[in-house]
Amino acid sequence: MAGGAGAALGSYIDGAWTAAGEGETFAVKNPATGELLATVESAGAAEGGSRWQLRRAALPEWQALPGHWRARYIYALARQVQKHARRLAVLETLDNGKSIRESRDI
Protein backbone atom coordinates (compact mmCIF):
# COMPACT_ATOMS: atom_id res chain seq x y z
CA MET A 1 0.00 0.00 0.00
CA ALA A 2 2.92 2.36 0.45
CA GLY A 3 3.69 4.38 -2.63
CA GLY A 4 4.34 7.72 -4.23
CA ALA A 5 2.32 10.90 -4.45
CA GLY A 6 -1.38 10.28 -4.43
CA ALA A 7 -0.95 6.69 -3.23
CA ALA A 8 -3.74 5.31 -1.07
CA LEU A 9 -2.36 4.63 2.40
CA GLY A 10 -4.11 2.47 4.96
CA SER A 11 -3.16 1.70 8.54
CA TYR A 12 0.20 0.25 9.56
CA ILE A 13 -0.70 -2.41 12.12
CA ASP A 14 1.57 -5.10 13.52
CA GLY A 15 4.26 -4.56 10.89
CA ALA A 16 2.01 -4.58 7.83
CA TRP A 17 -0.09 -2.13 5.82
CA THR A 18 -3.79 -2.94 6.09
CA ALA A 19 -6.81 -1.53 4.32
CA ALA A 20 -9.24 0.47 6.43
CA GLY A 21 -12.35 -1.54 7.17
CA GLU A 22 -14.81 1.30 6.62
CA GLY A 23 -13.18 2.35 3.35
CA GLU A 24 -13.46 6.10 3.93
CA THR A 25 -10.57 8.15 2.58
CA PHE A 26 -9.42 11.74 2.70
CA ALA A 27 -6.93 13.71 0.61
CA VAL A 28 -3.72 15.10 2.10
CA LYS A 29 -2.65 18.15 0.11
CA ASN A 30 0.33 20.46 0.20
CA PRO A 31 -1.22 23.66 1.60
CA ALA A 32 1.18 25.87 -0.37
CA THR A 33 0.47 24.39 -3.80
CA GLY A 34 -2.68 22.31 -3.41
CA GLU A 35 -0.79 19.32 -4.85
CA LEU A 36 -2.16 15.93 -3.76
CA LEU A 37 0.41 14.24 -1.52
CA ALA A 38 -1.57 11.11 -0.65
CA THR A 39 -5.00 9.64 -0.23
CA VAL A 40 -5.26 8.26 3.28
CA GLU A 41 -7.78 5.74 4.52
CA SER A 42 -9.53 6.76 7.70
CA ALA A 43 -9.14 4.14 10.43
CA GLY A 44 -12.39 3.00 11.97
CA ALA A 45 -13.34 1.29 15.20
CA ALA A 46 -12.04 -2.10 14.01
CA GLU A 47 -8.54 -0.74 13.34
CA GLY A 48 -8.50 1.15 16.63
CA GLY A 49 -9.60 -1.94 18.52
CA SER A 50 -6.95 -4.15 16.94
CA ARG A 51 -4.27 -1.57 17.78
CA TRP A 52 -5.31 -1.61 21.43
CA GLN A 53 -5.30 -5.42 21.48
CA LEU A 54 -1.78 -5.47 20.05
CA ARG A 55 -0.61 -2.92 22.61
CA ARG A 56 -2.12 -4.88 25.48
CA ALA A 57 -0.52 -8.09 24.20
CA ALA A 58 2.92 -6.44 23.90
CA LEU A 59 2.84 -4.68 27.29
CA PRO A 60 3.82 -7.61 29.56
CA GLU A 61 6.88 -8.38 27.41
CA TRP A 62 7.88 -4.69 27.44
CA GLN A 63 7.38 -4.44 31.21
CA ALA A 64 9.49 -7.57 31.75
CA LEU A 65 12.49 -5.98 30.03
CA PRO A 66 15.06 -4.42 32.36
CA GLY A 67 15.14 -0.62 32.25
CA HIS A 68 18.51 -0.70 30.49
CA TRP A 69 17.07 -2.67 27.57
CA ARG A 70 14.01 -0.44 27.29
CA ALA A 71 16.32 2.56 27.21
CA ARG A 72 18.34 0.97 24.40
CA TYR A 73 15.17 0.63 22.28
CA ILE A 74 14.15 4.22 22.97
CA TYR A 75 17.64 5.54 22.17
CA ALA A 76 17.69 3.51 18.95
CA LEU A 77 14.39 5.15 17.97
CA ALA A 78 15.81 8.58 18.82
CA ARG A 79 18.88 7.88 16.65
CA GLN A 80 16.63 7.02 13.71
CA VAL A 81 14.68 10.26 14.17
CA GLN A 82 17.98 12.20 14.23
CA LYS A 83 19.27 10.31 11.19
CA HIS A 84 16.17 11.21 9.18
CA ALA A 85 15.56 14.67 10.67
CA ARG A 86 15.88 16.48 7.32
CA ARG A 87 13.43 14.15 5.61
CA LEU A 88 10.99 14.48 8.53
CA ALA A 89 11.28 18.28 8.35
CA VAL A 90 10.45 18.23 4.63
CA LEU A 91 7.44 15.98 5.27
CA GLU A 92 6.25 18.31 8.04
CA THR A 93 6.59 21.30 5.73
CA LEU A 94 4.69 19.57 2.93
CA ASP A 95 1.94 18.47 5.30
CA ASN A 96 1.21 21.72 7.11
CA GLY A 97 2.85 24.55 5.17
CA LYS A 98 5.39 25.63 7.78
CA SER A 99 8.61 27.06 6.47
CA ILE A 100 11.39 24.49 6.18
CA ARG A 101 13.43 26.50 8.67
CA GLU A 102 10.70 26.29 11.29
CA SER A 103 10.22 22.56 10.69
CA ARG A 104 13.97 21.91 10.96
CA ASP A 105 14.29 23.95 14.17
CA ILE A 106 11.57 21.94 15.86
PDB file of N, CA and C in Angstrom:
ATOM      1  N   MET A   1       0.792  -1.200   0.000  1.00  0.00           N
ATOM      2  CA  MET A   1       0.000   0.000   0.000  1.00  0.00           C
ATOM      3  C   MET A   1       0.834   1.264   0.000  1.00  0.00           C
ATOM      4  N   ALA A   2       2.067   1.178   0.458  1.00  0.00           N
ATOM      5  CA  ALA A   2       2.920   2.357   0.451  1.00  0.00           C
ATOM      6  C   ALA A   2       3.263   2.703  -0.981  1.00  0.00           C
ATOM      7  N   GLY A   3       3.395   4.007  -1.256  1.00  0.00           N
ATOM      8  CA  GLY A   3       3.687   4.380  -2.628  1.00  0.00           C
ATOM      9  C   GLY A   3       4.023   5.845  -2.741  1.00  0.00           C
ATOM     10  N   GLY A   4       3.973   6.347  -3.956  1.00  0.00           N
ATOM     11  CA  GLY A   4       4.339   7.721  -4.234  1.00  0.00           C
ATOM     12  C   GLY A   4       3.183   8.680  -4.014  1.00  0.00           C
ATOM     13  N   ALA A   5       3.321   9.864  -4.606  1.00  0.00           N
ATOM     14  CA  ALA A   5       2.321  10.904  -4.451  1.00  0.00           C
ATOM     15  C   ALA A   5       0.965  10.411  -4.905  1.00  0.00           C
ATOM     16  N   GLY A   6      -0.032  10.682  -4.099  1.00  0.00           N
ATOM     17  CA  GLY A   6      -1.384  10.280  -4.432  1.00  0.00           C
ATOM     18  C   GLY A   6      -1.701   8.834  -4.107  1.00  0.00           C
ATOM     19  N   ALA A   7      -0.726   8.100  -3.561  1.00  0.00           N
ATOM     20  CA  ALA A   7      -0.954   6.691  -3.234  1.00  0.00           C
ATOM     21  C   ALA A   7      -1.960   6.574  -2.099  1.00  0.00           C
ATOM     22  N   ALA A   8      -2.784   5.551  -2.142  1.00  0.00           N
ATOM     23  CA  ALA A   8      -3.741   5.307  -1.066  1.00  0.00           C
ATOM     24  C   ALA A   8      -3.023   4.593   0.072  1.00  0.00           C
ATOM     25  N   LEU A   9      -3.042   5.193   1.244  1.00  0.00           N
ATOM     26  CA  LEU A   9      -2.356   4.631   2.401  1.00  0.00           C
ATOM     27  C   LEU A   9      -3.381   4.184   3.423  1.00  0.00           C
ATOM     28  N   GLY A  10      -3.227   2.980   3.931  1.00  0.00           N
ATOM     29  CA  GLY A  10      -4.112   2.466   4.960  1.00  0.00           C
ATOM     30  C   GLY A  10      -3.466   2.616   6.326  1.00  0.00           C
ATOM     31  N   SER A  11      -3.725   1.687   7.198  1.00  0.00           N
ATOM     32  CA  SER A  11      -3.163   1.699   8.543  1.00  0.00           C
ATOM     33  C   SER A  11      -1.974   0.739   8.602  1.00  0.00           C
ATOM     34  N   TYR A  12      -0.964   1.114   9.357  1.00  0.00           N
ATOM     35  CA  TYR A  12       0.199   0.254   9.558  1.00  0.00           C
ATOM     36  C   TYR A  12       0.014  -0.419  10.916  1.00  0.00           C
ATOM     37  N   ILE A  13      -0.375  -1.691  10.898  1.00  0.00           N
ATOM     38  CA  ILE A  13      -0.704  -2.407  12.121  1.00  0.00           C
ATOM     39  C   ILE A  13       0.104  -3.690  12.175  1.00  0.00           C
ATOM     40  N   ASP A  14       0.816  -3.879  13.272  1.00  0.00           N
ATOM     41  CA  ASP A  14       1.574  -5.103  13.522  1.00  0.00           C
ATOM     42  C   ASP A  14       2.555  -5.423  12.398  1.00  0.00           C
ATOM     43  N   GLY A  15       3.221  -4.366  11.892  1.00  0.00           N
ATOM     44  CA  GLY A  15       4.263  -4.559  10.892  1.00  0.00           C
ATOM     45  C   GLY A  15       3.785  -4.714   9.464  1.00  0.00           C
ATOM     46  N   ALA A  16       2.513  -4.430   9.194  1.00  0.00           N
ATOM     47  CA  ALA A  16       2.011  -4.580   7.827  1.00  0.00           C
ATOM     48  C   ALA A  16       0.971  -3.502   7.517  1.00  0.00           C
ATOM     49  N   TRP A  17       0.930  -3.078   6.259  1.00  0.00           N
ATOM     50  CA  TRP A  17      -0.095  -2.135   5.816  1.00  0.00           C
ATOM     51  C   TRP A  17      -1.403  -2.881   5.649  1.00  0.00           C
ATOM     52  N   THR A  18      -2.480  -2.322   6.204  1.00  0.00           N
ATOM     53  CA  THR A  18      -3.793  -2.937   6.094  1.00  0.00           C
ATOM     54  C   THR A  18      -4.781  -1.920   5.541  1.00  0.00           C
ATOM     55  N   ALA A  19      -5.767  -2.406   4.839  1.00  0.00           N
ATOM     56  CA  ALA A  19      -6.815  -1.530   4.320  1.00  0.00           C
ATOM     57  C   ALA A  19      -7.775  -1.178   5.451  1.00  0.00           C
ATOM     58  N   ALA A  20      -8.272   0.044   5.427  1.00  0.00           N
ATOM     59  CA  ALA A  20      -9.244   0.467   6.430  1.00  0.00           C
ATOM     60  C   ALA A  20     -10.545  -0.288   6.204  1.00  0.00           C
ATOM     61  N   GLY A  21     -11.139  -0.755   7.273  1.00  0.00           N
ATOM     62  CA  GLY A  21     -12.351  -1.544   7.166  1.00  0.00           C
ATOM     63  C   GLY A  21     -13.544  -0.754   6.656  1.00  0.00           C
ATOM     64  N   GLU A  22     -13.649   0.503   7.017  1.00  0.00           N
ATOM     65  CA  GLU A  22     -14.811   1.299   6.622  1.00  0.00           C
ATOM     66  C   GLU A  22     -14.641   1.914   5.241  1.00  0.00           C
ATOM     67  N   GLY A  23     -13.420   1.912   4.715  1.00  0.00           N
ATOM     68  CA  GLY A  23     -13.181   2.349   3.349  1.00  0.00           C
ATOM     69  C   GLY A  23     -13.262   3.845   3.100  1.00  0.00           C
ATOM     70  N   GLU A  24     -13.418   4.660   4.133  1.00  0.00           N
ATOM     71  CA  GLU A  24     -13.463   6.105   3.932  1.00  0.00           C
ATOM     72  C   GLU A  24     -12.049   6.640   3.755  1.00  0.00           C
ATOM     73  N   THR A  25     -11.882   7.567   2.828  1.00  0.00           N
ATOM     74  CA  THR A  25     -10.568   8.151   2.577  1.00  0.00           C
ATOM     75  C   THR A  25     -10.656   9.670   2.633  1.00  0.00           C
ATOM     76  N   PHE A  26      -9.494  10.290   2.801  1.00  0.00           N
ATOM     77  CA  PHE A  26      -9.418  11.739   2.697  1.00  0.00           C
ATOM     78  C   PHE A  26      -8.104  12.107   2.017  1.00  0.00           C
ATOM     79  N   ALA A  27      -8.109  13.257   1.353  1.00  0.00           N
ATOM     80  CA  ALA A  27      -6.933  13.708   0.608  1.00  0.00           C
ATOM     81  C   ALA A  27      -6.022  14.519   1.523  1.00  0.00           C
ATOM     82  N   VAL A  28      -4.734  14.290   1.409  1.00  0.00           N
ATOM     83  CA  VAL A  28      -3.725  15.103   2.095  1.00  0.00           C
ATOM     84  C   VAL A  28      -3.054  15.930   1.015  1.00  0.00           C
ATOM     85  N   LYS A  29      -3.179  17.255   1.132  1.00  0.00           N
ATOM     86  CA  LYS A  29      -2.645  18.149   0.108  1.00  0.00           C
ATOM     87  C   LYS A  29      -1.599  19.081   0.695  1.00  0.00           C
ATOM     88  N   ASN A  30      -0.652  19.463  -0.158  1.00  0.00           N
ATOM     89  CA  ASN A  30       0.331  20.464   0.199  1.00  0.00           C
ATOM     90  C   ASN A  30      -0.413  21.789   0.288  1.00  0.00           C
ATOM     91  N   PRO A  31      -0.448  22.438   1.466  1.00  0.00           N
ATOM     92  CA  PRO A  31      -1.221  23.662   1.598  1.00  0.00           C
ATOM     93  C   PRO A  31      -0.676  24.826   0.770  1.00  0.00           C
ATOM     94  N   ALA A  32       0.587  24.777   0.412  1.00  0.00           N
ATOM     95  CA  ALA A  32       1.180  25.866  -0.372  1.00  0.00           C
ATOM     96  C   ALA A  32       0.805  25.779  -1.844  1.00  0.00           C
ATOM     97  N   THR A  33       0.695  24.550  -2.366  1.00  0.00           N
ATOM     98  CA  THR A  33       0.465  24.390  -3.805  1.00  0.00           C
ATOM     99  C   THR A  33      -0.856  23.716  -4.137  1.00  0.00           C
ATOM    100  N   GLY A  34      -1.467  23.064  -3.152  1.00  0.00           N
ATOM    101  CA  GLY A  34      -2.681  22.307  -3.405  1.00  0.00           C
ATOM    102  C   GLY A  34      -2.425  20.952  -4.040  1.00  0.00           C
ATOM    103  N   GLU A  35      -1.155  20.601  -4.241  1.00  0.00           N
ATOM    104  CA  GLU A  35      -0.793  19.317  -4.850  1.00  0.00           C
ATOM    105  C   GLU A  35      -1.198  18.165  -3.935  1.00  0.00           C
ATOM    106  N   LEU A  36      -1.777  17.117  -4.513  1.00  0.00           N
ATOM    107  CA  LEU A  36      -2.160  15.931  -3.764  1.00  0.00           C
ATOM    108  C   LEU A  36      -0.900  15.179  -3.338  1.00  0.00           C
ATOM    109  N   LEU A  37      -0.736  14.992  -2.030  1.00  0.00           N
ATOM    110  CA  LEU A  37       0.405  14.242  -1.518  1.00  0.00           C
ATOM    111  C   LEU A  37       0.055  12.769  -1.353  1.00  0.00           C
ATOM    112  N   ALA A  38      -1.144  12.501  -0.859  1.00  0.00           N
ATOM    113  CA  ALA A  38      -1.570  11.114  -0.645  1.00  0.00           C
ATOM    114  C   ALA A  38      -3.068  11.077  -0.408  1.00  0.00           C
ATOM    115  N   THR A  39      -3.628   9.925  -0.630  1.00  0.00           N
ATOM    116  CA  THR A  39      -5.000   9.644  -0.234  1.00  0.00           C
ATOM    117  C   THR A  39      -4.889   8.666   0.923  1.00  0.00           C
ATOM    118  N   VAL A  40      -5.440   9.043   2.067  1.00  0.00           N
ATOM    119  CA  VAL A  40      -5.261   8.265   3.283  1.00  0.00           C
ATOM    120  C   VAL A  40      -6.593   7.669   3.698  1.00  0.00           C
ATOM    121  N   GLU A  41      -6.573   6.395   4.035  1.00  0.00           N
ATOM    122  CA  GLU A  41      -7.777   5.735   4.522  1.00  0.00           C
ATOM    123  C   GLU A  41      -7.977   6.078   5.985  1.00  0.00           C
ATOM    124  N   SER A  42      -9.181   6.406   6.328  1.00  0.00           N
ATOM    125  CA  SER A  42      -9.526   6.758   7.699  1.00  0.00           C
ATOM    126  C   SER A  42      -9.736   5.474   8.503  1.00  0.00           C
ATOM    127  N   ALA A  43      -9.010   5.340   9.593  1.00  0.00           N
ATOM    128  CA  ALA A  43      -9.137   4.140  10.428  1.00  0.00           C
ATOM    129  C   ALA A  43     -10.454   4.201  11.190  1.00  0.00           C
ATOM    130  N   GLY A  44     -11.128   3.081  11.256  1.00  0.00           N
ATOM    131  CA  GLY A  44     -12.389   2.996  11.969  1.00  0.00           C
ATOM    132  C   GLY A  44     -12.226   2.294  13.304  1.00  0.00           C
ATOM    133  N   ALA A  45     -13.346   1.932  13.892  1.00  0.00           N
ATOM    134  CA  ALA A  45     -13.339   1.286  15.203  1.00  0.00           C
ATOM    135  C   ALA A  45     -12.595  -0.044  15.179  1.00  0.00           C
ATOM    136  N   ALA A  46     -12.712  -0.793  14.083  1.00  0.00           N
ATOM    137  CA  ALA A  46     -12.042  -2.102  14.007  1.00  0.00           C
ATOM    138  C   ALA A  46     -10.534  -1.946  14.070  1.00  0.00           C
ATOM    139  N   GLU A  47      -9.996  -0.960  13.321  1.00  0.00           N
ATOM    140  CA  GLU A  47      -8.543  -0.744  13.335  1.00  0.00           C
ATOM    141  C   GLU A  47      -8.079  -0.254  14.701  1.00  0.00           C
ATOM    142  N   GLY A  48      -8.853   0.647  15.293  1.00  0.00           N
ATOM    143  CA  GLY A  48      -8.496   1.151  16.626  1.00  0.00           C
ATOM    144  C   GLY A  48      -8.511   0.042  17.656  1.00  0.00           C
ATOM    145  N   GLY A  49      -9.508  -0.824  17.579  1.00  0.00           N
ATOM    146  CA  GLY A  49      -9.600  -1.939  18.515  1.00  0.00           C
ATOM    147  C   GLY A  49      -8.443  -2.899  18.373  1.00  0.00           C
ATOM    148  N   SER A  50      -8.061  -3.207  17.126  1.00  0.00           N
ATOM    149  CA  SER A  50      -6.952  -4.149  16.937  1.00  0.00           C
ATOM    150  C   SER A  50      -5.645  -3.541  17.414  1.00  0.00           C
ATOM    151  N   ARG A  51      -5.490  -2.228  17.262  1.00  0.00           N
ATOM    152  CA  ARG A  51      -4.271  -1.572  17.778  1.00  0.00           C
ATOM    153  C   ARG A  51      -4.192  -1.709  19.285  1.00  0.00           C
ATOM    154  N   TRP A  52      -5.309  -1.493  19.966  1.00  0.00           N
ATOM    155  CA  TRP A  52      -5.309  -1.613  21.426  1.00  0.00           C
ATOM    156  C   TRP A  52      -5.031  -3.047  21.857  1.00  0.00           C
ATOM    157  N   GLN A  53      -5.569  -4.019  21.143  1.00  0.00           N
ATOM    158  CA  GLN A  53      -5.305  -5.422  21.477  1.00  0.00           C
ATOM    159  C   GLN A  53      -3.824  -5.739  21.327  1.00  0.00           C
ATOM    160  N   LEU A  54      -3.201  -5.228  20.256  1.00  0.00           N
ATOM    161  CA  LEU A  54      -1.775  -5.467  20.050  1.00  0.00           C
ATOM    162  C   LEU A  54      -0.944  -4.811  21.149  1.00  0.00           C
ATOM    163  N   ARG A  55      -1.335  -3.599  21.536  1.00  0.00           N
ATOM    164  CA  ARG A  55      -0.608  -2.915  22.615  1.00  0.00           C
ATOM    165  C   ARG A  55      -0.716  -3.683  23.921  1.00  0.00           C
ATOM    166  N   ARG A  56      -1.929  -4.109  24.237  1.00  0.00           N
ATOM    167  CA  ARG A  56      -2.123  -4.877  25.480  1.00  0.00           C
ATOM    168  C   ARG A  56      -1.321  -6.176  25.457  1.00  0.00           C
ATOM    169  N   ALA A  57      -1.260  -6.831  24.311  1.00  0.00           N
ATOM    170  CA  ALA A  57      -0.522  -8.087  24.203  1.00  0.00           C
ATOM    171  C   ALA A  57       0.981  -7.860  24.348  1.00  0.00           C
ATOM    172  N   ALA A  58       1.485  -6.722  23.865  1.00  0.00           N
ATOM    173  CA  ALA A  58       2.920  -6.444  23.904  1.00  0.00           C
ATOM    174  C   ALA A  58       3.373  -5.897  25.259  1.00  0.00           C
ATOM    175  N   LEU A  59       2.459  -5.340  26.042  1.00  0.00           N
ATOM    176  CA  LEU A  59       2.841  -4.682  27.290  1.00  0.00           C
ATOM    177  C   LEU A  59       3.567  -5.577  28.286  1.00  0.00           C
ATOM    178  N   PRO A  60       3.098  -6.790  28.570  1.00  0.00           N
ATOM    179  CA  PRO A  60       3.815  -7.614  29.557  1.00  0.00           C
ATOM    180  C   PRO A  60       5.275  -7.884  29.155  1.00  0.00           C
ATOM    181  N   GLU A  61       5.506  -8.129  27.871  1.00  0.00           N
ATOM    182  CA  GLU A  61       6.881  -8.380  27.412  1.00  0.00           C
ATOM    183  C   GLU A  61       7.740  -7.126  27.599  1.00  0.00           C
ATOM    184  N   TRP A  62       7.159  -5.950  27.284  1.00  0.00           N
ATOM    185  CA  TRP A  62       7.877  -4.687  27.442  1.00  0.00           C
ATOM    186  C   TRP A  62       8.174  -4.424  28.919  1.00  0.00           C
ATOM    187  N   GLN A  63       7.189  -4.664  29.784  1.00  0.00           N
ATOM    188  CA  GLN A  63       7.380  -4.440  31.212  1.00  0.00           C
ATOM    189  C   GLN A  63       8.409  -5.393  31.807  1.00  0.00           C
ATOM    190  N   ALA A  64       8.535  -6.584  31.233  1.00  0.00           N
ATOM    191  CA  ALA A  64       9.486  -7.573  31.750  1.00  0.00           C
ATOM    192  C   ALA A  64      10.935  -7.226  31.394  1.00  0.00           C
ATOM    193  N   LEU A  65      11.127  -6.370  30.402  1.00  0.00           N
ATOM    194  CA  LEU A  65      12.494  -5.979  30.030  1.00  0.00           C
ATOM    195  C   LEU A  65      13.110  -5.110  31.123  1.00  0.00           C
ATOM    196  N   PRO A  66      14.380  -5.321  31.423  1.00  0.00           N
ATOM    197  CA  PRO A  66      15.055  -4.424  32.363  1.00  0.00           C
ATOM    198  C   PRO A  66      15.086  -2.995  31.793  1.00  0.00           C
ATOM    199  N   GLY A  67      15.132  -2.026  32.662  1.00  0.00           N
ATOM    200  CA  GLY A  67      15.138  -0.622  32.246  1.00  0.00           C
ATOM    201  C   GLY A  67      16.228  -0.314  31.235  1.00  0.00           C
ATOM    202  N   HIS A  68      17.387  -0.927  31.408  1.00  0.00           N
ATOM    203  CA  HIS A  68      18.508  -0.697  30.490  1.00  0.00           C
ATOM    204  C   HIS A  68      18.123  -1.086  29.062  1.00  0.00           C
ATOM    205  N   TRP A  69      17.452  -2.215  28.909  1.00  0.00           N
ATOM    206  CA  TRP A  69      17.073  -2.669  27.566  1.00  0.00           C
ATOM    207  C   TRP A  69      15.979  -1.789  26.973  1.00  0.00           C
ATOM    208  N   ARG A  70      15.033  -1.348  27.800  1.00  0.00           N
ATOM    209  CA  ARG A  70      14.008  -0.437  27.290  1.00  0.00           C
ATOM    210  C   ARG A  70      14.653   0.865  26.822  1.00  0.00           C
ATOM    211  N   ALA A  71      15.621   1.334  27.589  1.00  0.00           N
ATOM    212  CA  ALA A  71      16.323   2.562  27.209  1.00  0.00           C
ATOM    213  C   ALA A  71      17.055   2.385  25.886  1.00  0.00           C
ATOM    214  N   ARG A  72      17.642   1.221  25.666  1.00  0.00           N
ATOM    215  CA  ARG A  72      18.337   0.967  24.401  1.00  0.00           C
ATOM    216  C   ARG A  72      17.386   1.072  23.214  1.00  0.00           C
ATOM    217  N   TYR A  73      16.165   0.528  23.357  1.00  0.00           N
ATOM    218  CA  TYR A  73      15.174   0.632  22.283  1.00  0.00           C
ATOM    219  C   TYR A  73      14.785   2.090  22.039  1.00  0.00           C
ATOM    220  N   ILE A  74      14.568   2.824  23.113  1.00  0.00           N
ATOM    221  CA  ILE A  74      14.150   4.221  22.967  1.00  0.00           C
ATOM    222  C   ILE A  74      15.272   5.054  22.353  1.00  0.00           C
ATOM    223  N   TYR A  75      16.506   4.816  22.771  1.00  0.00           N
ATOM    224  CA  TYR A  75      17.635   5.542  22.172  1.00  0.00           C
ATOM    225  C   TYR A  75      17.823   5.177  20.704  1.00  0.00           C
ATOM    226  N   ALA A  76      17.594   3.915  20.359  1.00  0.00           N
ATOM    227  CA  ALA A  76      17.687   3.512  18.951  1.00  0.00           C
ATOM    228  C   ALA A  76      16.634   4.245  18.117  1.00  0.00           C
ATOM    229  N   LEU A  77      15.439   4.389  18.655  1.00  0.00           N
ATOM    230  CA  LEU A  77      14.394   5.145  17.967  1.00  0.00           C
ATOM    231  C   LEU A  77      14.808   6.611  17.813  1.00  0.00           C
ATOM    232  N   ALA A  78      15.359   7.185  18.876  1.00  0.00           N
ATOM    233  CA  ALA A  78      15.815   8.581  18.815  1.00  0.00           C
ATOM    234  C   ALA A  78      16.918   8.758  17.772  1.00  0.00           C
ATOM    235  N   ARG A  79      17.817   7.795  17.658  1.00  0.00           N
ATOM    236  CA  ARG A  79      18.879   7.878  16.648  1.00  0.00           C
ATOM    237  C   ARG A  79      18.297   7.859  15.238  1.00  0.00           C
ATOM    238  N   GLN A  80      17.264   7.064  15.024  1.00  0.00           N
ATOM    239  CA  GLN A  80      16.627   7.024  13.706  1.00  0.00           C
ATOM    240  C   GLN A  80      15.930   8.348  13.385  1.00  0.00           C
ATOM    241  N   VAL A  81      15.305   8.951  14.377  1.00  0.00           N
ATOM    242  CA  VAL A  81      14.684  10.262  14.170  1.00  0.00           C
ATOM    243  C   VAL A  81      15.761  11.284  13.813  1.00  0.00           C
ATOM    244  N   GLN A  82      16.886  11.284  14.537  1.00  0.00           N
ATOM    245  CA  GLN A  82      17.981  12.203  14.229  1.00  0.00           C
ATOM    246  C   GLN A  82      18.537  11.939  12.830  1.00  0.00           C
ATOM    247  N   LYS A  83      18.714  10.683  12.488  1.00  0.00           N
ATOM    248  CA  LYS A  83      19.274  10.311  11.185  1.00  0.00           C
ATOM    249  C   LYS A  83      18.406  10.834  10.044  1.00  0.00           C
ATOM    250  N   HIS A  84      17.105  10.813  10.236  1.00  0.00           N
ATOM    251  CA  HIS A  84      16.169  11.207   9.181  1.00  0.00           C
ATOM    252  C   HIS A  84      15.518  12.560   9.450  1.00  0.00           C
ATOM    253  N   ALA A  85      16.154  13.392  10.261  1.00  0.00           N
ATOM    254  CA  ALA A  85      15.561  14.670  10.665  1.00  0.00           C
ATOM    255  C   ALA A  85      15.256  15.573   9.469  1.00  0.00           C
ATOM    256  N   ARG A  86      16.136  15.629   8.495  1.00  0.00           N
ATOM    257  CA  ARG A  86      15.880  16.482   7.320  1.00  0.00           C
ATOM    258  C   ARG A  86      14.660  16.009   6.554  1.00  0.00           C
ATOM    259  N   ARG A  87      14.574  14.708   6.331  1.00  0.00           N
ATOM    260  CA  ARG A  87      13.427  14.151   5.610  1.00  0.00           C
ATOM    261  C   ARG A  87      12.127  14.409   6.387  1.00  0.00           C
ATOM    262  N   LEU A  88      12.165  14.225   7.710  1.00  0.00           N
ATOM    263  CA  LEU A  88      10.986  14.482   8.529  1.00  0.00           C
ATOM    264  C   LEU A  88      10.589  15.955   8.478  1.00  0.00           C
ATOM    265  N   ALA A  89      11.577  16.848   8.448  1.00  0.00           N
ATOM    266  CA  ALA A  89      11.281  18.280   8.348  1.00  0.00           C
ATOM    267  C   ALA A  89      10.603  18.605   7.018  1.00  0.00           C
ATOM    268  N   VAL A  90      11.072  17.995   5.946  1.00  0.00           N
ATOM    269  CA  VAL A  90      10.451  18.227   4.628  1.00  0.00           C
ATOM    270  C   VAL A  90       9.016  17.714   4.638  1.00  0.00           C
ATOM    271  N   LEU A  91       8.790  16.529   5.188  1.00  0.00           N
ATOM    272  CA  LEU A  91       7.435  15.983   5.268  1.00  0.00           C
ATOM    273  C   LEU A  91       6.528  16.886   6.096  1.00  0.00           C
ATOM    274  N   GLU A  92       7.033  17.397   7.198  1.00  0.00           N
ATOM    275  CA  GLU A  92       6.248  18.305   8.042  1.00  0.00           C
ATOM    276  C   GLU A  92       5.890  19.574   7.282  1.00  0.00           C
ATOM    277  N   THR A  93       6.831  20.093   6.528  1.00  0.00           N
ATOM    278  CA  THR A  93       6.586  21.298   5.731  1.00  0.00           C
ATOM    279  C   THR A  93       5.544  21.029   4.652  1.00  0.00           C
ATOM    280  N   LEU A  94       5.665  19.905   3.963  1.00  0.00           N
ATOM    281  CA  LEU A  94       4.689  19.566   2.930  1.00  0.00           C
ATOM    282  C   LEU A  94       3.295  19.376   3.516  1.00  0.00           C
ATOM    283  N   ASP A  95       3.235  18.787   4.701  1.00  0.00           N
ATOM    284  CA  ASP A  95       1.944  18.469   5.300  1.00  0.00           C
ATOM    285  C   ASP A  95       1.214  19.697   5.835  1.00  0.00           C
ATOM    286  N   ASN A  96       1.936  20.629   6.459  1.00  0.00           N
ATOM    287  CA  ASN A  96       1.211  21.721   7.115  1.00  0.00           C
ATOM    288  C   ASN A  96       1.589  23.122   6.648  1.00  0.00           C
ATOM    289  N   GLY A  97       2.541  23.239   5.738  1.00  0.00           N
ATOM    290  CA  GLY A  97       2.849  24.548   5.168  1.00  0.00           C
ATOM    291  C   GLY A  97       3.820  25.398   5.963  1.00  0.00           C
ATOM    292  N   LYS A  98       4.382  24.869   7.043  1.00  0.00           N
ATOM    293  CA  LYS A  98       5.395  25.626   7.782  1.00  0.00           C
ATOM    294  C   LYS A  98       6.595  25.857   6.873  1.00  0.00           C
ATOM    295  N   SER A  99       7.366  26.874   7.213  1.00  0.00           N
ATOM    296  CA  SER A  99       8.613  27.060   6.468  1.00  0.00           C
ATOM    297  C   SER A  99       9.561  25.919   6.835  1.00  0.00           C
ATOM    298  N   ILE A 100      10.448  25.577   5.924  1.00  0.00           N
ATOM    299  CA  ILE A 100      11.387  24.492   6.183  1.00  0.00           C
ATOM    300  C   ILE A 100      12.277  24.830   7.383  1.00  0.00           C
ATOM    301  N   ARG A 101      12.593  26.079   7.531  1.00  0.00           N
ATOM    302  CA  ARG A 101      13.429  26.495   8.666  1.00  0.00           C
ATOM    303  C   ARG A 101      12.734  26.215   9.990  1.00  0.00           C
ATOM    304  N   GLU A 102      11.447  26.542  10.069  1.00  0.00           N
ATOM    305  CA  GLU A 102      10.697  26.287  11.294  1.00  0.00           C
ATOM    306  C   GLU A 102      10.589  24.783  11.563  1.00  0.00           C
ATOM    307  N   SER A 103      10.318  24.005  10.525  1.00  0.00           N
ATOM    308  CA  SER A 103      10.217  22.561  10.694  1.00  0.00           C
ATOM    309  C   SER A 103      11.536  21.954  11.146  1.00  0.00           C
ATOM    310  N   ARG A 104      12.652  22.426  10.571  1.00  0.00           N
ATOM    311  CA  ARG A 104      13.974  21.913  10.963  1.00  0.00           C
ATOM    312  C   ARG A 104      14.302  22.271  12.394  1.00  0.00           C
ATOM    313  N   ASP A 105      13.954  23.497  12.819  1.00  0.00           N
ATOM    314  CA  ASP A 105      14.288  23.948  14.167  1.00  0.00           C
ATOM    315  C   ASP A 105      13.537  23.166  15.234  1.00  0.00           C
ATOM    316  N   ILE A 106      12.356  22.713  14.896  1.00  0.00           N
ATOM    317  CA  ILE A 106      11.567  21.944  15.860  1.00  0.00           C
ATOM    318  C   ILE A 106      12.172  20.567  15.993  1.00  0.00           C
TER     319      ILE A 106
END
